[in-house]
Structure formats: C-alpha cells, structure tokens
Amino acid sequence: MNLTNKNIGTVVVVSATSRSAMGAALDPNGVDYASTISYQQRRNAVQSGKALKLVNVIDSKQGNRPSWKTVPISEFTRSERVMEKESTINLPERQVATMDFIHSSYKLKPKSLVMRELKWKYLIRSAVRGKNIMMTGMSGCGKTMSAKALVAALDRPDFYFNMGATQDPRATLIGNVQFNNELGTYMAESLFVTAIQTPNAVILLDELTRAHPDAWNILMPVLDSGQRYLRLDEAADQATIKVAEGVTFIATANIGNEYTATRQLDKALIDRFTTIEMDILNDEEETGLLQYMFPNVEKKILNSIATIAHLTRIESLNDAPRIDSGVSTRTSVELAGLIYDGFELQDAAEITIYPQYDSAGGVDSERTFVKQIVQKFITDGTSDDLFTEEDMTDAA
C-alpha cells in the first residue's frame, strides 16, 4: 500500500496475537495499514494501549511526508462513512443499543483495574455476544479481578469455581450419588448444574490450567457453541442438561513453563474460547494504581515498589533470564499495604517478595539477584544485610 495525502488523518488500532507477534492495523473501515507501519511502531502502540494516526511531517531532505504517530485510543472512532452506511442500512434498535453499550462501557471499569480501553471493550463485547472468554497472563496480573469487574458491569448472576482446587471433577461439575433412608440412592446435582441452567449467568472457571484433564473432558460439550450441554453420564442413552440462554463462561489461565502444577491445555479446549491476554503494567501504570489504592503512602515509596516489579519483569523476559518470573501486581499491592501498615520496605520485601525466589546457589541465586534490585531502593543504611548467613551457607 502506498500512502498519499488522501490518507492523512487516518487512525488505526493494532492487534497483537502474542507478545511478539503483531497483527493487523485496521482503520474504522476495516482497511489494514500494517504493511506501511514498522514492527517497532506497532509494538509500541500495542504496549502503550494507543492508536496510530497518519500525519504530515516536514523533512529537510524529503519535504512533507506522511508518518505514523501514537495518539489516544479515543481518537479511533467510527468514520462518517461508516456511520452513513449504518444509517443507510437501518440497523435494528437492539444492535444500536448493544453497540452504544459496548463503546461507552469503559466508564464501568473500576479504577482499581488497569486495563487498556480497547481490551476492556473487547471483553465486554465478548460477554455480550455470549463468547467463552479465556483470560491469560502472569500470576497476579488481575485476571480474576477483570472477570469480577465484568460481572459487576453486566449486572448478571454469577458463579465461581476454582478449578485448580477440584479434587473430584465429576462431583464438582455434575454431582455425586448419595443415600438416605427416606429417598434411598439418589443423584445430588452440583452447583455447576444449577449455574449452567441460570439464564444470562456468568460462570468463572478460575485456574483452568490447574484443573484435572477429566474436568476438561466434561466441559468440552458445555463450551462447544454447537452443543452447549452437560452429559450426566458417558452412556449414550443418559440424560443431558442444556446450557441456558445467555450463559457466559470466563476462564483464567496461567500459561508458561514457569508455573508449576499447571497443565498444557488441550487445543480443542482452547479453540472454544476467545483469548484475552492481560497487559503487563509498566512502572508508571503500576505507580498510578498503587497511588489510587494507597493515597496516604508517599509517592516516592510507591514508585520504588513499581520500579522493583518492573525491573524483575524485564529480567524474566530476557533471552537468558536470571529469574523465572517477575514480581506480580498482586505482590506489589501487598507490599504497598505493608508499607501503609508501618513496615519498612526492607522488611516488607523480606516477607512478600524474597520467598517467591529460589535461594539455591547462594550469591548466584534468584533470591540474591532480586535482593540486589530491592537494595537499590533501600535508603536506611541496611545494605550490609544484602547477603544473609543462609545465602553464604548455600554458596559454600
């Protein structure tokens, strides 16, 4: 595609299929401009949660030339051409109301949840359209919080199931056989059976990657848009329970080798979901979140906490990382809470951060590396305590 002056003012939003793969760069009319935008520009736009706008820049050698610059996502709006088309085809009132709700829904997002406007709208849209949603991302990044915020925004009945804690998938998802003197032997249906029969319910399947594969097999027909039923028994002639109208399933998943006790999800199961990858907050965003939650804590300390978390995340994403995972937002919030309750940063880190990292290897261990990062922000003269007796013993 060749850019001309006719394209000046075009605003596009870039999609990303993963942290490293940048997808299309679509304008409001659905035209893809990705071939005219560098990979780095598209990556920066995705990471900052912004759109890209084509503007004229003055170049001393080339004169005026078109160039892409980042702009707020709010500048990405339906064009007059699209709105004219909509008015021409007379969209049904219900469709217009649905679109208005989706595109005005960002105001329903709680301030304590940091999520890009585009992803929040996509989350709302997926739920409104009855899609199964899978929230992925590092531990403690806000997956479950996002799901609960969605429930509140939609004002629907909701049910929560911790799939990682399920010891007996059949009992949790279907029920079990019980006996009493009055009824004799009978089938006691599970809460999940009640949930799927509740119209417009939002059902949260937390920690799906920690669930037993038997649970996945039971869920397959429930999540399949072409089936949507729960089979009470494997026998062909056994009764099935249909999923009620408007039921939405939201799963959370930790995907990656750094998470122990997790299983690689079956491809057929993944295909039943629309996947939304949670953003990793930068230090500025994390500071803003901590300030909102702890307005009485000194900003300098909150900024230190956010920077510590940011530095560990950067290290964990390196090609040869010295640590497997970064400090999560959940841990940052807990750290700030301890500061608010009168703990010093050194002590708070000792309680919340260090136990998450392996101490094997002494001065070369993950824990020591993280201590070195934290120590840069300790100003109380405790730097002599960087290496503990345990560290030195492990090193020997």
Protein backbone atom coordinates (compact mmCIF):
# COMPACT_ATOMS: atom_id res chain seq x y z
CA MET A 1 0.00 0.00 0.00
CA ASN A 2 1.28 3.47 -0.94
CA LEU A 3 0.40 6.30 1.39
CA THR A 4 -0.80 9.59 -0.12
CA ASN A 5 -2.18 12.87 1.18
CA LYS A 6 -5.64 11.34 0.95
CA ASN A 7 -4.66 9.02 3.80
CA ILE A 8 -3.59 11.84 6.16
CA GLY A 9 -5.67 11.76 9.34
CA THR A 10 -6.25 8.00 9.18
CA VAL A 11 -6.34 6.42 12.66
CA VAL A 12 -5.67 2.70 13.13
CA VAL A 13 -5.63 0.24 16.02
CA VAL A 14 -3.02 -2.53 16.06
CA SER A 15 -3.88 -6.03 17.21
CA ALA A 16 -1.41 -8.49 18.73
CA THR A 17 -1.71 -12.29 18.70
CA SER A 18 1.04 -12.59 21.33
CA ARG A 19 3.76 -10.53 23.00
CA SER A 20 5.97 -10.91 19.96
CA ALA A 21 3.54 -11.22 17.06
CA MET A 22 1.90 -8.01 15.83
CA GLY A 23 -1.26 -8.43 13.79
CA ALA A 24 -3.38 -6.15 11.63
CA ALA A 25 -3.51 -2.34 11.87
CA LEU A 26 -7.12 -1.61 10.99
CA ASP A 27 -8.85 1.73 10.41
CA PRO A 28 -12.56 2.19 11.27
CA ASN A 29 -13.47 0.94 7.79
CA GLY A 30 -11.54 -2.31 8.26
CA VAL A 31 -8.66 -1.39 5.92
CA ASP A 32 -5.33 -2.91 7.04
CA TYR A 33 -2.37 -0.50 7.08
CA ALA A 34 0.10 -2.89 8.75
CA SER A 35 2.37 -3.03 5.71
CA THR A 36 3.01 0.74 5.97
CA ILE A 37 3.91 0.72 9.67
CA SER A 38 7.17 -0.57 11.14
CA TYR A 39 7.11 -3.51 13.54
CA GLN A 40 8.52 -1.34 16.34
CA GLN A 41 5.85 1.33 15.86
CA ARG A 42 3.10 -1.28 16.00
CA ARG A 43 4.66 -2.93 19.06
CA ASN A 44 4.95 0.42 20.87
CA ALA A 45 1.31 1.19 20.10
CA VAL A 46 0.14 -2.15 21.50
CA GLN A 47 2.26 -1.87 24.65
CA SER A 48 1.12 1.71 25.35
CA GLY A 49 -2.54 0.97 24.61
CA LYS A 50 -2.70 3.72 21.98
CA ALA A 51 -3.80 4.11 18.38
CA LEU A 52 -1.67 5.31 15.44
CA LYS A 53 -2.53 8.35 13.32
CA LEU A 54 -1.08 9.27 9.92
CA VAL A 55 0.19 12.87 9.90
CA ASN A 56 2.30 15.08 7.65
CA VAL A 57 5.81 15.78 8.89
CA ILE A 58 8.35 18.22 7.45
CA ASP A 59 11.60 16.59 6.41
CA SER A 60 14.52 18.84 5.41
CA LYS A 61 15.55 16.38 2.69
CA GLN A 62 12.25 14.89 1.54
CA GLY A 63 9.88 17.78 2.26
CA ASN A 64 6.43 16.91 3.53
CA ARG A 65 5.93 13.19 4.03
CA PRO A 66 3.33 11.03 5.80
CA SER A 67 4.35 9.48 9.12
CA TRP A 68 2.60 7.49 11.83
CA LYS A 69 2.44 8.82 15.41
CA THR A 70 0.78 7.44 18.55
CA VAL A 71 -2.45 9.09 19.69
CA PRO A 72 -5.02 8.31 22.43
CA ILE A 73 -7.23 5.34 21.65
CA SER A 74 -10.23 7.69 21.94
CA GLU A 75 -9.31 9.12 18.50
CA PHE A 76 -10.21 5.77 16.96
CA THR A 77 -13.90 6.31 16.18
CA ARG A 78 -16.29 5.15 13.57
CA SER A 79 -15.83 7.30 10.47
CA GLU A 80 -18.55 9.39 8.88
CA ARG A 81 -18.53 6.89 6.02
CA VAL A 82 -19.25 4.01 8.39
CA MET A 83 -21.93 5.94 10.29
CA GLU A 84 -23.52 6.96 6.98
CA LYS A 85 -23.56 3.32 5.93
CA GLU A 86 -25.13 2.37 9.26
CA SER A 87 -27.89 4.92 8.81
CA THR A 88 -28.47 3.71 5.25
CA ILE A 89 -28.95 0.07 6.21
CA ASN A 90 -31.10 0.98 9.25
CA LEU A 91 -29.52 -1.14 11.97
CA PRO A 92 -32.02 -2.72 14.36
CA GLU A 93 -32.58 -0.74 17.55
CA ARG A 94 -31.26 -3.63 19.62
CA GLN A 95 -27.98 -3.64 17.64
CA VAL A 96 -27.60 0.13 18.04
CA ALA A 97 -28.21 -0.17 21.79
CA THR A 98 -25.67 -3.02 22.03
CA MET A 99 -23.03 -1.01 20.18
CA ASP A 100 -23.66 2.04 22.34
CA PHE A 101 -23.28 -0.04 25.49
CA ILE A 102 -20.02 -1.63 24.32
CA HIS A 103 -18.42 1.63 23.21
CA SER A 104 -19.47 3.55 26.34
CA SER A 105 -18.60 0.73 28.76
CA TYR A 106 -15.11 1.95 29.71
CA LYS A 107 -16.67 4.16 32.37
CA LEU A 108 -17.90 0.97 34.08
CA LYS A 109 -14.35 -0.32 34.58
CA PRO A 110 -13.27 0.11 38.23
CA LYS A 111 -10.32 2.46 38.75
CA SER A 112 -8.51 -0.25 40.68
CA LEU A 113 -8.34 -2.35 37.49
CA VAL A 114 -5.71 -1.20 34.99
CA MET A 115 -6.80 -2.39 31.57
CA ARG A 116 -6.49 -0.76 28.16
CA GLU A 117 -9.74 0.69 26.84
CA LEU A 118 -9.66 -1.45 23.70
CA LYS A 119 -9.25 -4.68 25.68
CA TRP A 120 -11.98 -3.72 28.15
CA LYS A 121 -14.41 -3.06 25.30
CA TYR A 122 -13.42 -6.36 23.68
CA LEU A 123 -14.04 -8.13 26.99
CA ILE A 124 -17.48 -6.52 27.30
CA ARG A 125 -18.31 -7.27 23.67
CA SER A 126 -17.28 -10.92 24.01
CA ALA A 127 -19.53 -11.36 27.03
CA VAL A 128 -22.47 -9.53 25.46
CA ARG A 129 -22.18 -11.76 22.39
CA GLY A 130 -22.09 -14.92 24.50
CA LYS A 131 -18.47 -15.83 23.76
CA ASN A 132 -16.48 -18.07 26.08
CA ILE A 133 -13.60 -15.92 27.34
CA MET A 134 -10.15 -17.05 28.49
CA MET A 135 -8.10 -14.51 30.45
CA THR A 136 -4.38 -15.26 30.26
CA GLY A 137 -1.33 -13.55 31.75
CA MET A 138 1.25 -13.76 34.50
CA SER A 139 0.14 -14.72 38.00
CA GLY A 140 -1.27 -11.81 39.96
CA CYS A 141 -1.87 -9.54 36.94
CA GLY A 142 -5.62 -9.10 37.51
CA LYS A 143 -7.28 -11.91 35.54
CA THR A 144 -9.78 -12.86 38.23
CA MET A 145 -10.31 -9.21 39.13
CA SER A 146 -11.14 -8.43 35.49
CA ALA A 147 -13.67 -11.24 35.39
CA LYS A 148 -15.35 -10.00 38.56
CA ALA A 149 -15.36 -6.44 37.21
CA LEU A 150 -17.09 -7.74 34.09
CA VAL A 151 -19.77 -9.40 36.22
CA ALA A 152 -20.39 -6.13 38.05
CA ALA A 153 -20.55 -4.15 34.79
CA LEU A 154 -23.10 -6.52 33.25
CA ASP A 155 -25.10 -6.90 36.49
CA ARG A 156 -25.73 -10.60 35.92
CA PRO A 157 -25.97 -13.60 38.26
CA ASP A 158 -22.56 -15.15 38.70
CA PHE A 159 -20.98 -18.40 39.89
CA TYR A 160 -17.36 -19.07 40.86
CA PHE A 161 -15.49 -22.38 40.56
CA ASN A 162 -11.83 -22.81 41.49
CA MET A 163 -10.86 -25.50 39.01
CA GLY A 164 -7.35 -25.78 40.42
CA ALA A 165 -8.72 -26.90 43.78
CA THR A 166 -11.06 -29.51 42.31
CA GLN A 167 -10.13 -32.97 43.58
CA ASP A 168 -13.10 -34.76 42.02
CA PRO A 169 -14.09 -33.13 38.68
CA ARG A 170 -17.19 -35.26 38.28
CA ALA A 171 -18.53 -34.36 41.72
CA THR A 172 -17.82 -30.65 41.16
CA LEU A 173 -19.26 -30.39 37.65
CA ILE A 174 -22.02 -33.00 37.67
CA GLY A 175 -22.74 -34.24 41.19
CA ASN A 176 -22.47 -37.49 43.08
CA VAL A 177 -24.58 -40.39 44.23
CA GLN A 178 -25.86 -40.12 47.80
CA PHE A 179 -28.10 -42.19 50.05
CA ASN A 180 -30.52 -41.57 52.88
CA ASN A 181 -33.24 -43.67 54.47
CA GLU A 182 -36.07 -41.60 53.06
CA LEU A 183 -35.01 -41.31 49.42
CA GLY A 184 -32.67 -44.22 49.16
CA THR A 185 -29.99 -43.79 46.49
CA TYR A 186 -30.25 -40.56 44.50
CA MET A 187 -28.18 -38.20 42.38
CA ALA A 188 -27.27 -34.95 44.13
CA GLU A 189 -26.63 -32.37 41.41
CA SER A 190 -23.71 -30.00 41.78
CA LEU A 191 -23.79 -26.20 41.95
CA PHE A 192 -22.36 -26.19 38.42
CA VAL A 193 -25.54 -27.85 37.14
CA THR A 194 -27.55 -25.05 38.75
CA ALA A 195 -25.21 -22.45 37.28
CA ILE A 196 -25.50 -23.58 33.65
CA GLN A 197 -29.31 -23.61 33.95
CA THR A 198 -29.39 -19.99 35.14
CA PRO A 199 -30.21 -17.69 32.18
CA ASN A 200 -27.61 -14.96 31.49
CA ALA A 201 -25.31 -16.27 34.21
CA VAL A 202 -21.58 -15.53 34.14
CA ILE A 203 -19.63 -18.62 35.20
CA LEU A 204 -16.00 -18.13 36.25
CA LEU A 205 -13.72 -21.14 35.81
CA ASP A 206 -10.66 -19.99 37.74
CA GLU A 207 -7.22 -21.61 37.30
CA LEU A 208 -8.35 -23.79 34.39
CA THR A 209 -4.75 -24.79 33.60
CA ARG A 210 -4.54 -26.44 37.05
CA ALA A 211 -7.70 -28.49 36.52
CA HIS A 212 -7.63 -32.26 36.07
CA PRO A 213 -7.97 -33.35 32.40
CA ASP A 214 -11.19 -35.17 33.35
CA ALA A 215 -12.68 -31.73 34.05
CA TRP A 216 -11.71 -30.58 30.57
CA ASN A 217 -13.43 -33.60 29.01
CA ILE A 218 -16.63 -32.86 30.90
CA LEU A 219 -16.50 -29.20 29.85
CA MET A 220 -15.91 -29.87 26.14
CA PRO A 221 -19.59 -30.17 25.05
CA VAL A 222 -20.64 -27.49 27.57
CA LEU A 223 -18.33 -24.93 25.94
CA ASP A 224 -18.95 -26.02 22.34
CA SER A 225 -21.22 -23.46 20.64
CA GLY A 226 -22.73 -26.24 18.54
CA GLN A 227 -23.62 -28.44 21.52
CA ARG A 228 -23.91 -26.49 24.81
CA TYR A 229 -24.99 -29.37 27.00
CA LEU A 230 -23.72 -31.27 30.03
CA ARG A 231 -23.81 -35.05 29.81
CA LEU A 232 -24.64 -36.63 33.17
CA ASP A 233 -23.10 -39.95 32.21
CA GLU A 234 -20.90 -41.30 29.43
CA ALA A 235 -23.57 -43.82 28.39
CA ALA A 236 -25.20 -42.83 25.11
CA ASP A 237 -28.77 -43.02 26.43
CA GLN A 238 -28.14 -40.87 29.52
CA ALA A 239 -29.85 -37.52 30.02
CA THR A 240 -28.19 -34.25 29.13
CA ILE A 241 -28.72 -30.77 30.55
CA LYS A 242 -28.83 -27.86 28.14
CA VAL A 243 -26.95 -24.67 28.93
CA ALA A 244 -29.43 -21.84 29.45
CA GLU A 245 -29.73 -18.88 27.11
CA GLY A 246 -27.16 -16.12 27.56
CA VAL A 247 -24.75 -18.05 29.79
CA THR A 248 -21.14 -16.81 29.50
CA PHE A 249 -18.09 -18.78 30.64
CA ILE A 250 -14.91 -16.99 31.69
CA ALA A 251 -11.76 -19.00 32.36
CA THR A 252 -8.45 -17.79 33.80
CA ALA A 253 -5.20 -19.49 32.86
CA ASN A 254 -1.50 -19.22 33.66
CA ILE A 255 0.29 -20.36 30.52
CA GLY A 256 4.04 -20.96 30.60
CA ASN A 257 6.75 -23.30 31.85
CA GLU A 258 7.42 -21.14 34.92
CA TYR A 259 4.10 -22.17 36.50
CA THR A 260 4.29 -25.42 38.43
CA ALA A 261 1.30 -27.75 38.80
CA THR A 262 -0.22 -26.40 35.58
CA ARG A 263 -1.09 -28.47 32.53
CA GLN A 264 -0.89 -27.61 28.86
CA LEU A 265 -4.44 -27.02 27.70
CA ASP A 266 -5.89 -29.22 25.01
CA LYS A 267 -6.00 -27.37 21.65
CA ALA A 268 -9.64 -28.34 21.20
CA LEU A 269 -10.45 -26.75 24.55
CA ILE A 270 -8.55 -23.53 23.74
CA ASP A 271 -10.45 -23.25 20.44
CA ARG A 272 -13.69 -22.95 22.41
CA PHE A 273 -12.55 -19.64 23.92
CA THR A 274 -11.88 -16.09 22.85
CA THR A 275 -8.49 -15.35 24.42
CA ILE A 276 -7.71 -12.00 26.06
CA GLU A 277 -4.12 -11.59 27.26
CA MET A 278 -3.80 -9.31 30.26
CA ASP A 279 -1.35 -6.44 29.92
CA ILE A 280 1.83 -6.32 31.97
CA LEU A 281 1.81 -2.93 33.65
CA ASN A 282 4.76 -0.60 33.20
CA ASP A 283 6.17 1.20 36.24
CA GLU A 284 4.15 4.37 35.60
CA GLU A 285 0.87 2.48 35.38
CA GLU A 286 1.69 0.43 38.48
CA THR A 287 2.58 3.58 40.43
CA GLY A 288 -0.76 5.11 39.44
CA LEU A 289 -2.63 2.01 40.61
CA LEU A 290 -0.80 1.96 43.96
CA GLN A 291 -1.44 5.68 44.44
CA TYR A 292 -5.14 5.12 43.88
CA MET A 293 -5.23 2.27 46.39
CA PHE A 294 -2.89 3.85 48.97
CA PRO A 295 -3.18 7.65 48.64
CA ASN A 296 -1.60 8.21 52.08
CA VAL A 297 1.64 6.42 51.25
CA GLU A 298 4.48 8.59 49.97
CA LYS A 299 4.60 8.55 46.16
CA LYS A 300 8.38 8.02 46.16
CA ILE A 301 7.98 4.72 48.00
CA LEU A 302 5.13 3.58 45.75
CA ASN A 303 7.23 4.45 42.71
CA SER A 304 10.08 2.36 44.15
CA ILE A 305 7.76 -0.63 44.56
CA ALA A 306 6.50 -0.26 40.98
CA THR A 307 10.03 0.07 39.61
CA ILE A 308 11.21 -3.03 41.51
CA ALA A 309 8.34 -5.01 39.98
CA HIS A 310 9.04 -3.59 36.52
CA LEU A 311 12.75 -4.45 36.65
CA THR A 312 12.04 -8.05 37.67
CA ARG A 313 9.54 -8.44 34.83
CA ILE A 314 12.00 -7.12 32.28
CA GLU A 315 14.62 -9.58 33.54
CA SER A 316 12.22 -12.53 33.39
CA LEU A 317 11.51 -11.79 29.71
CA ASN A 318 15.18 -11.72 28.69
CA ASP A 319 16.58 -14.44 26.43
CA ALA A 320 18.76 -15.69 29.32
CA PRO A 321 16.87 -14.54 32.42
CA ARG A 322 18.32 -14.82 35.91
CA ILE A 323 14.80 -15.22 37.33
CA ASP A 324 11.85 -17.22 36.01
CA SER A 325 9.11 -14.72 36.79
CA GLY A 326 8.67 -11.08 37.71
CA VAL A 327 7.02 -9.58 40.79
CA SER A 328 3.27 -9.58 40.16
CA THR A 329 0.91 -6.66 40.60
CA ARG A 330 -0.75 -8.64 43.39
CA THR A 331 2.56 -8.75 45.24
CA SER A 332 3.12 -5.02 44.62
CA VAL A 333 -0.25 -4.25 46.18
CA GLU A 334 0.55 -6.43 49.20
CA LEU A 335 3.95 -4.73 49.54
CA ALA A 336 2.34 -1.27 49.47
CA GLY A 337 -0.22 -2.45 52.03
CA LEU A 338 2.57 -3.44 54.41
CA ILE A 339 4.20 -0.02 53.96
CA TYR A 340 0.84 1.57 54.75
CA ASP A 341 0.68 -0.51 57.94
CA GLY A 342 4.07 0.79 59.10
CA PHE A 343 6.53 -1.79 57.77
CA GLU A 344 9.83 -0.70 56.24
CA LEU A 345 10.45 -1.57 52.59
CA GLN A 346 13.30 -3.93 53.55
CA ASP A 347 11.09 -5.91 55.94
CA ALA A 348 8.10 -5.87 53.59
CA ALA A 349 10.22 -7.29 50.77
CA GLU A 350 11.58 -9.97 53.12
CA ILE A 351 8.02 -11.12 53.77
CA THR A 352 6.39 -10.78 50.35
CA ILE A 353 9.00 -10.91 47.57
CA TYR A 354 12.01 -12.99 48.61
CA PRO A 355 10.11 -16.22 49.47
CA GLN A 356 8.94 -16.37 45.84
CA TYR A 357 12.51 -16.88 44.59
CA ASP A 358 14.85 -19.84 44.93
CA SER A 359 17.76 -19.33 47.33
CA ALA A 360 19.78 -22.28 45.97
CA GLY A 361 23.13 -21.12 44.69
CA GLY A 362 23.86 -18.55 47.36
CA VAL A 363 25.17 -15.29 45.88
CA ASP A 364 24.25 -16.54 42.39
CA SER A 365 20.70 -17.47 43.33
CA GLU A 366 17.44 -15.96 42.07
CA ARG A 367 16.74 -14.60 45.53
CA THR A 368 20.06 -12.78 45.77
CA PHE A 369 19.54 -11.23 42.35
CA VAL A 370 16.14 -9.88 43.44
CA LYS A 371 17.64 -8.65 46.71
CA GLN A 372 20.16 -6.67 44.70
CA ILE A 373 17.34 -4.97 42.82
CA VAL A 374 15.42 -4.15 46.01
CA GLN A 375 18.55 -2.93 47.75
CA LYS A 376 18.92 -0.08 45.28
CA PHE A 377 15.78 1.44 46.79
CA ILE A 378 16.68 0.94 50.46
CA THR A 379 17.94 4.18 51.98
CA ASP A 380 18.05 3.24 55.63
CA GLY A 381 21.64 2.00 55.68
CA THR A 382 20.80 -1.71 55.71
CA SER A 383 22.85 -2.63 52.65
CA ASP A 384 25.16 -4.76 54.83
CA ASP A 385 22.26 -7.17 55.20
CA LEU A 386 22.10 -7.97 51.47
CA PHE A 387 23.62 -11.43 51.90
CA THR A 388 22.26 -13.45 54.80
CA GLU A 389 24.04 -16.26 56.60
CA GLU A 390 21.79 -18.69 54.71
CA ASP A 391 22.93 -17.22 51.37
CA MET A 392 26.58 -17.64 52.26
CA THR A 393 25.99 -21.20 53.50
CA ASP A 394 24.25 -22.13 50.22
CA ALA A 395 27.12 -20.62 48.25
CA ALA A 396 29.65 -22.73 50.11
